Amino acid sequence: MANYAAGTVVTLTAQADAGSEFVGWDGCDAVSGNTCTVTMDAAKWVTATFALQQFMLTVTKNGIGYGNVTSTSNPPSATQINCGAYCYAAYDWSTVVTLSAKAGIGSVFHGWRGCDAVSVSRCVVTMQSAKSVKATFIGVPLPPLPWPVLLRR
């Protein structure tokens, strides 16, 4: 808040912090990009709106096995990854996403690629840009079948 003499032309410039983006102005006499101009002919209220950037996290499942990948996030997000239905979700800037892999029947989880940190079947990613992670599942050979038993007549 500041006081200006009547007739003064005030120019405001919006600058987003890291992880945010400038969305728009409200209450300006004129707008050009991130610049707002007002002429002080009365009391004025001007609002600059900013939003957190969002980035897409994409998970690709590869290998010759089967499995599922799910996510949790901090802070919590309305959408999470569940690779049974879809393998991507958008997260706000700096959200920490933890992916968990669970192998399907006849498969084992083999590893991650593209994570910031890995702990066994968990992958941690901090969303400060779009990210792509790979989860690899491999099939486990079935145990040999017992020899067939011959039937007596």
Protein backbone atom coordinates (compact mmCIF):
# COMPACT_ATOMS: atom_id res chain seq x y z
CA MET A 1 0.00 0.00 0.00
CA ALA A 2 1.33 3.41 -0.92
CA ASN A 3 0.03 6.97 -1.25
CA TYR A 4 0.40 8.89 -4.53
CA ALA A 5 -0.56 12.40 -5.59
CA ALA A 6 -3.63 12.76 -7.81
CA GLY A 7 -2.81 12.25 -11.49
CA THR A 8 0.31 10.16 -10.82
CA VAL A 9 0.74 7.26 -13.26
CA VAL A 10 1.91 4.16 -11.39
CA THR A 11 3.46 1.20 -13.21
CA LEU A 12 3.55 -2.17 -11.42
CA THR A 13 5.56 -5.14 -12.65
CA ALA A 14 4.83 -8.73 -11.54
CA GLN A 15 7.76 -11.09 -11.04
CA ALA A 16 7.03 -14.71 -10.09
CA ASP A 17 9.27 -16.51 -7.61
CA ALA A 18 10.83 -19.86 -8.46
CA GLY A 19 8.13 -22.50 -8.82
CA SER A 20 5.38 -19.98 -9.47
CA GLU A 21 3.99 -18.31 -12.55
CA PHE A 22 2.26 -14.99 -13.01
CA VAL A 23 -1.41 -15.49 -13.95
CA GLY A 24 -2.80 -11.97 -14.33
CA TRP A 25 -3.84 -8.60 -13.01
CA ASP A 26 -7.12 -7.22 -11.67
CA GLY A 27 -7.92 -3.54 -11.16
CA CYS A 28 -5.49 -2.04 -13.70
CA ASP A 29 -6.27 0.77 -16.12
CA ALA A 30 -4.01 -0.92 -18.69
CA VAL A 31 -2.13 -4.25 -18.82
CA SER A 32 0.77 -5.27 -21.02
CA GLY A 33 2.15 -8.73 -20.20
CA ASN A 34 3.32 -8.64 -16.59
CA THR A 35 3.02 -4.81 -16.34
CA CYS A 36 0.00 -2.98 -14.88
CA THR A 37 -0.58 0.76 -15.17
CA VAL A 38 -2.97 2.81 -13.04
CA THR A 39 -3.60 6.56 -12.95
CA MET A 40 -4.23 7.77 -9.43
CA ASP A 41 -7.51 9.65 -9.80
CA ALA A 42 -9.08 7.83 -6.82
CA ALA A 43 -8.17 5.08 -4.34
CA LYS A 44 -7.24 1.95 -6.33
CA TRP A 45 -7.01 -1.73 -5.46
CA VAL A 46 -4.83 -3.80 -7.75
CA THR A 47 -4.32 -7.55 -7.43
CA ALA A 48 -1.56 -9.63 -9.00
CA THR A 49 -2.39 -13.35 -9.14
CA PHE A 50 0.25 -16.07 -9.07
CA ALA A 51 -0.05 -19.87 -9.19
CA LEU A 52 2.30 -22.73 -8.44
CA GLN A 53 3.73 -24.31 -11.56
CA GLN A 54 2.62 -27.87 -12.26
CA PHE A 55 4.76 -30.54 -13.85
CA MET A 56 3.84 -33.92 -15.33
CA LEU A 57 5.30 -37.11 -13.84
CA THR A 58 5.11 -39.99 -16.30
CA VAL A 59 5.80 -43.61 -15.34
CA THR A 60 6.63 -46.20 -17.97
CA LYS A 61 6.48 -49.87 -17.10
CA ASN A 62 8.87 -52.02 -19.09
CA GLY A 63 10.36 -55.50 -19.05
CA ILE A 64 8.71 -58.84 -19.72
CA GLY A 65 6.93 -59.01 -16.38
CA TYR A 66 3.83 -57.45 -14.90
CA GLY A 67 3.22 -55.14 -11.99
CA ASN A 68 1.57 -52.02 -10.68
CA VAL A 69 2.98 -48.61 -9.72
CA THR A 70 1.15 -46.28 -7.34
CA SER A 71 2.06 -42.92 -5.80
CA THR A 72 1.65 -40.80 -2.71
CA SER A 73 2.79 -37.20 -2.43
CA ASN A 74 3.73 -34.53 0.05
CA PRO A 75 1.86 -32.25 0.01
CA PRO A 76 -1.05 -34.51 -0.94
CA SER A 77 -2.33 -34.15 -4.50
CA ALA A 78 -5.86 -34.66 -5.79
CA THR A 79 -4.53 -36.97 -8.49
CA GLN A 80 -2.10 -39.80 -7.94
CA ILE A 81 -0.51 -42.39 -10.17
CA ASN A 82 -2.03 -45.85 -10.37
CA CYS A 83 -0.57 -47.61 -13.39
CA GLY A 84 -3.46 -50.01 -13.51
CA ALA A 85 -5.53 -47.16 -14.98
CA TYR A 86 -3.03 -44.46 -15.99
CA CYS A 87 0.67 -43.78 -15.58
CA TYR A 88 0.92 -40.03 -15.25
CA ALA A 89 -0.18 -37.20 -12.99
CA ALA A 90 0.50 -33.47 -12.65
CA TYR A 91 2.03 -32.21 -9.40
CA ASP A 92 2.67 -28.73 -8.03
CA TRP A 93 6.20 -27.40 -7.98
CA SER A 94 8.44 -28.93 -5.29
CA THR A 95 5.96 -31.72 -4.41
CA VAL A 96 7.78 -34.85 -3.24
CA VAL A 97 6.28 -37.91 -4.93
CA THR A 98 6.92 -41.45 -3.69
CA LEU A 99 6.27 -44.20 -6.22
CA SER A 100 5.77 -47.79 -5.05
CA ALA A 101 6.13 -50.83 -7.29
CA LYS A 102 4.36 -54.12 -6.68
CA ALA A 103 5.07 -57.09 -8.93
CA GLY A 104 2.21 -59.13 -10.33
CA ILE A 105 1.85 -62.90 -10.06
CA GLY A 106 4.71 -64.62 -11.85
CA SER A 107 6.85 -61.46 -11.92
CA VAL A 108 9.40 -59.64 -9.79
CA PHE A 109 10.20 -55.95 -9.60
CA HIS A 110 13.66 -55.38 -11.11
CA GLY A 111 14.36 -51.65 -10.57
CA TRP A 112 13.82 -47.96 -11.26
CA ARG A 113 15.30 -45.39 -13.64
CA GLY A 114 14.90 -41.61 -13.39
CA CYS A 115 14.39 -41.30 -9.62
CA ASP A 116 16.00 -38.73 -7.35
CA ALA A 117 16.33 -41.45 -4.68
CA VAL A 118 15.58 -45.19 -4.55
CA SER A 119 14.87 -47.50 -1.63
CA VAL A 120 14.09 -51.08 -2.70
CA SER A 121 10.67 -50.88 -4.43
CA ARG A 122 10.20 -47.16 -3.74
CA CYS A 123 11.24 -44.24 -5.94
CA VAL A 124 11.28 -40.64 -4.72
CA VAL A 125 11.01 -37.69 -7.13
CA THR A 126 10.88 -33.96 -6.30
CA MET A 127 8.83 -32.17 -8.94
CA GLN A 128 10.76 -29.10 -10.09
CA SER A 129 10.40 -29.99 -13.78
CA ALA A 130 8.58 -32.59 -15.89
CA LYS A 131 9.94 -36.05 -15.03
CA SER A 132 9.84 -39.49 -16.57
CA VAL A 133 10.49 -42.63 -14.51
CA LYS A 134 10.77 -46.26 -15.63
CA ALA A 135 9.79 -49.27 -13.53
CA THR A 136 11.06 -52.63 -14.76
CA PHE A 137 9.30 -55.91 -14.03
CA ILE A 138 10.64 -59.29 -15.13
CA GLY A 139 8.86 -62.59 -15.41
CA VAL A 140 9.86 -65.47 -13.19
CA PRO A 141 10.10 -68.89 -14.83
CA LEU A 142 7.48 -71.29 -13.60
CA PRO A 143 8.79 -74.20 -11.55
CA PRO A 144 9.03 -77.47 -13.48
CA LEU A 145 5.91 -79.58 -13.44
CA PRO A 146 6.20 -82.95 -11.72
CA TRP A 147 6.51 -85.92 -14.02
CA PRO A 148 3.10 -87.20 -15.02
CA VAL A 149 1.89 -90.16 -13.09
CA LEU A 150 1.00 -93.07 -15.33
CA LEU A 151 -2.45 -94.41 -14.72
CA ARG A 152 -2.84 -98.16 -14.22
CA ARG A 153 -5.35 -99.98 -16.21
